[in-house]
């Protein structure tokens, strides 16, 4: 009889833990930071500003630009990258296979790093910093690390 009580108690605890974890997960983003970055890159490649805005905080990424020019600076940069891809020497498609990808997640912040596997690349890595805002990961800064 004592063993049955212990099993019921353990099952009860396991069920409570399961529901508690499910409850907590409802308050966290359903998408990982990496998925957010991939969706941002994809939307920018398509020059779909409405979709891209869901994944980037323009005011934080472009904080060094005067506030009244941040949106237009971002749009011009995205359009420039798209137009550059029309030249046969360049592509506007992000080649994920040319990078080792690392994702690190803290409670309300995260980092996605793309490290180039091409030794001749001038950019060693691209680091996307994200914050959890209203249950969604949002890119808040982008860092380009040049190869030494």
Protein backbone atom coordinates (compact mmCIF):
# COMPACT_ATOMS: atom_id res chain seq x y z
CA UNK A 1 0.00 0.00 0.00
CA UNK A 2 2.82 2.35 0.84
CA UNK A 3 4.40 1.83 -2.62
CA UNK A 4 1.12 2.71 -4.32
CA UNK A 5 0.86 5.95 -2.40
CA UNK A 6 4.42 6.85 -3.38
CA UNK A 7 3.69 6.11 -7.06
CA UNK A 8 0.53 8.22 -6.99
CA UNK A 9 2.44 11.04 -5.33
CA UNK A 10 5.24 10.82 -7.92
CA UNK A 11 2.73 10.72 -10.80
CA UNK A 12 0.92 13.70 -9.32
CA UNK A 13 4.19 15.66 -9.07
CA UNK A 14 5.15 14.70 -12.65
CA UNK A 15 1.77 15.87 -13.96
CA UNK A 16 2.06 19.18 -12.09
CA UNK A 17 5.58 19.74 -13.44
CA UNK A 18 4.41 18.96 -16.98
CA UNK A 19 1.55 21.47 -16.78
CA UNK A 20 3.77 24.08 -15.15
CA UNK A 21 6.33 23.79 -17.96
CA UNK A 22 3.58 23.93 -20.58
CA UNK A 23 2.19 27.04 -18.87
CA UNK A 24 5.61 28.73 -18.91
CA UNK A 25 6.17 27.83 -22.56
CA UNK A 26 2.92 29.58 -23.51
CA UNK A 27 4.53 32.83 -22.41
CA UNK A 28 7.69 32.33 -24.44
CA UNK A 29 8.12 32.69 -28.16
CA UNK A 30 7.04 29.79 -30.32
CA UNK A 31 9.93 30.55 -32.68
CA UNK A 32 13.62 30.36 -31.93
CA UNK A 33 15.92 33.34 -32.47
CA UNK A 34 17.47 31.55 -35.47
CA UNK A 35 14.06 31.23 -37.14
CA UNK A 36 13.46 34.94 -36.55
CA UNK A 37 16.79 35.82 -38.20
CA UNK A 38 16.10 33.52 -41.16
CA UNK A 39 12.67 35.11 -41.65
CA UNK A 40 14.18 38.61 -41.45
CA UNK A 41 16.86 37.75 -44.01
CA UNK A 42 14.25 36.18 -46.28
CA UNK A 43 11.90 39.17 -46.06
CA UNK A 44 14.75 41.59 -46.71
CA UNK A 45 15.91 39.55 -49.73
CA UNK A 46 12.38 39.90 -51.12
CA UNK A 47 12.33 43.61 -50.17
CA UNK A 48 9.14 42.91 -48.23
CA UNK A 49 9.38 45.67 -45.64
CA UNK A 50 5.98 44.91 -44.07
CA UNK A 51 7.01 41.34 -43.25
CA UNK A 52 10.59 42.28 -42.29
CA UNK A 53 9.33 44.83 -39.73
CA UNK A 54 7.90 41.92 -37.72
CA UNK A 55 11.43 40.68 -37.05
CA UNK A 56 13.51 43.83 -36.57
CA UNK A 57 13.45 46.84 -34.27
CA UNK A 58 14.68 49.49 -36.71
CA UNK A 59 15.09 52.11 -33.97
CA UNK A 60 17.49 49.89 -32.02
CA UNK A 61 19.42 48.48 -35.00
CA UNK A 62 19.89 51.96 -36.50
CA UNK A 63 20.21 53.86 -33.22
CA UNK A 64 23.28 55.76 -34.49
CA UNK A 65 21.23 57.29 -37.33
CA UNK A 66 19.02 60.35 -36.63
CA UNK A 67 15.57 59.11 -35.61
CA UNK A 68 13.75 60.67 -38.57
CA UNK A 69 16.05 58.84 -41.04
CA UNK A 70 16.23 55.34 -39.52
CA UNK A 71 13.40 53.77 -41.51
CA UNK A 72 14.51 55.26 -44.83
CA UNK A 73 18.15 54.29 -44.17
CA UNK A 74 17.12 50.68 -43.52
CA UNK A 75 14.91 50.59 -46.61
CA UNK A 76 17.68 52.08 -48.77
CA UNK A 77 20.19 49.53 -47.44
CA UNK A 78 17.84 46.60 -48.13
CA UNK A 79 17.05 47.93 -51.62
CA UNK A 80 20.77 48.45 -52.30
CA UNK A 81 21.50 44.81 -51.36
CA UNK A 82 18.68 43.65 -53.65
CA UNK A 83 19.96 45.75 -56.55
CA UNK A 84 23.52 44.57 -55.94
CA UNK A 85 22.25 41.03 -56.42
CA UNK A 86 21.25 41.90 -59.99
CA UNK A 87 24.95 42.17 -60.88
CA UNK A 88 26.32 38.82 -62.07
CA UNK A 89 29.31 39.15 -59.68
CA UNK A 90 27.07 39.24 -56.62
CA UNK A 91 24.03 37.50 -55.24
CA UNK A 92 21.39 38.78 -52.88
CA UNK A 93 20.65 35.26 -51.62
CA UNK A 94 22.15 34.47 -48.25
CA UNK A 95 24.19 31.29 -48.61
CA UNK A 96 23.63 29.62 -45.24
CA UNK A 97 25.85 26.70 -46.26
CA UNK A 98 28.86 29.06 -46.26
CA UNK A 99 28.52 29.59 -42.51
CA UNK A 100 28.75 27.76 -39.24
CA UNK A 101 25.75 28.90 -37.24
CA UNK A 102 25.65 29.27 -33.48
CA UNK A 103 22.61 30.26 -31.41
CA UNK A 104 22.76 31.19 -27.74
CA UNK A 105 19.66 32.00 -25.74
CA UNK A 106 19.37 33.70 -22.36
CA UNK A 107 16.09 34.46 -20.65
CA UNK A 108 15.11 37.59 -22.62
CA UNK A 109 18.03 38.02 -25.00
CA UNK A 110 19.79 35.88 -27.54
CA UNK A 111 22.47 35.88 -30.16
CA UNK A 112 22.68 34.20 -33.56
CA UNK A 113 26.14 34.13 -35.08
CA UNK A 114 27.01 33.24 -38.66
CA UNK A 115 30.74 32.42 -38.88
CA UNK A 116 32.11 32.29 -42.40
CA UNK A 117 33.68 29.02 -43.52
CA UNK A 118 35.36 30.75 -46.46
CA UNK A 119 38.93 31.76 -45.51
CA UNK A 120 39.05 34.55 -48.12
CA UNK A 121 35.83 36.17 -46.89
CA UNK A 122 36.34 39.74 -45.67
CA UNK A 123 33.57 39.28 -43.12
CA UNK A 124 34.51 36.76 -40.45
CA UNK A 125 31.10 36.67 -38.80
CA UNK A 126 27.71 38.33 -38.65
CA UNK A 127 26.11 38.50 -35.23
CA UNK A 128 22.40 39.18 -34.73
CA UNK A 129 21.42 40.25 -31.22
CA UNK A 130 17.77 39.68 -30.32
CA UNK A 131 15.44 40.53 -27.46
CA UNK A 132 12.21 38.89 -26.46
CA UNK A 133 9.46 41.50 -26.96
CA UNK A 134 5.80 40.61 -26.49
CA UNK A 135 6.57 36.87 -26.76
CA UNK A 136 8.49 37.29 -30.05
CA UNK A 137 12.19 37.45 -30.76
CA UNK A 138 13.15 40.74 -32.41
CA UNK A 139 16.53 41.67 -33.92
CA UNK A 140 17.90 44.66 -32.00
CA UNK A 141 21.41 44.92 -33.43
CA UNK A 142 23.52 43.45 -36.20
CA UNK A 143 27.29 43.26 -35.93
CA UNK A 144 29.66 42.60 -38.81
CA UNK A 145 33.06 41.33 -37.69
CA UNK A 146 35.82 41.87 -40.25
CA UNK A 147 38.49 39.26 -40.73
CA UNK A 148 41.89 40.39 -39.45
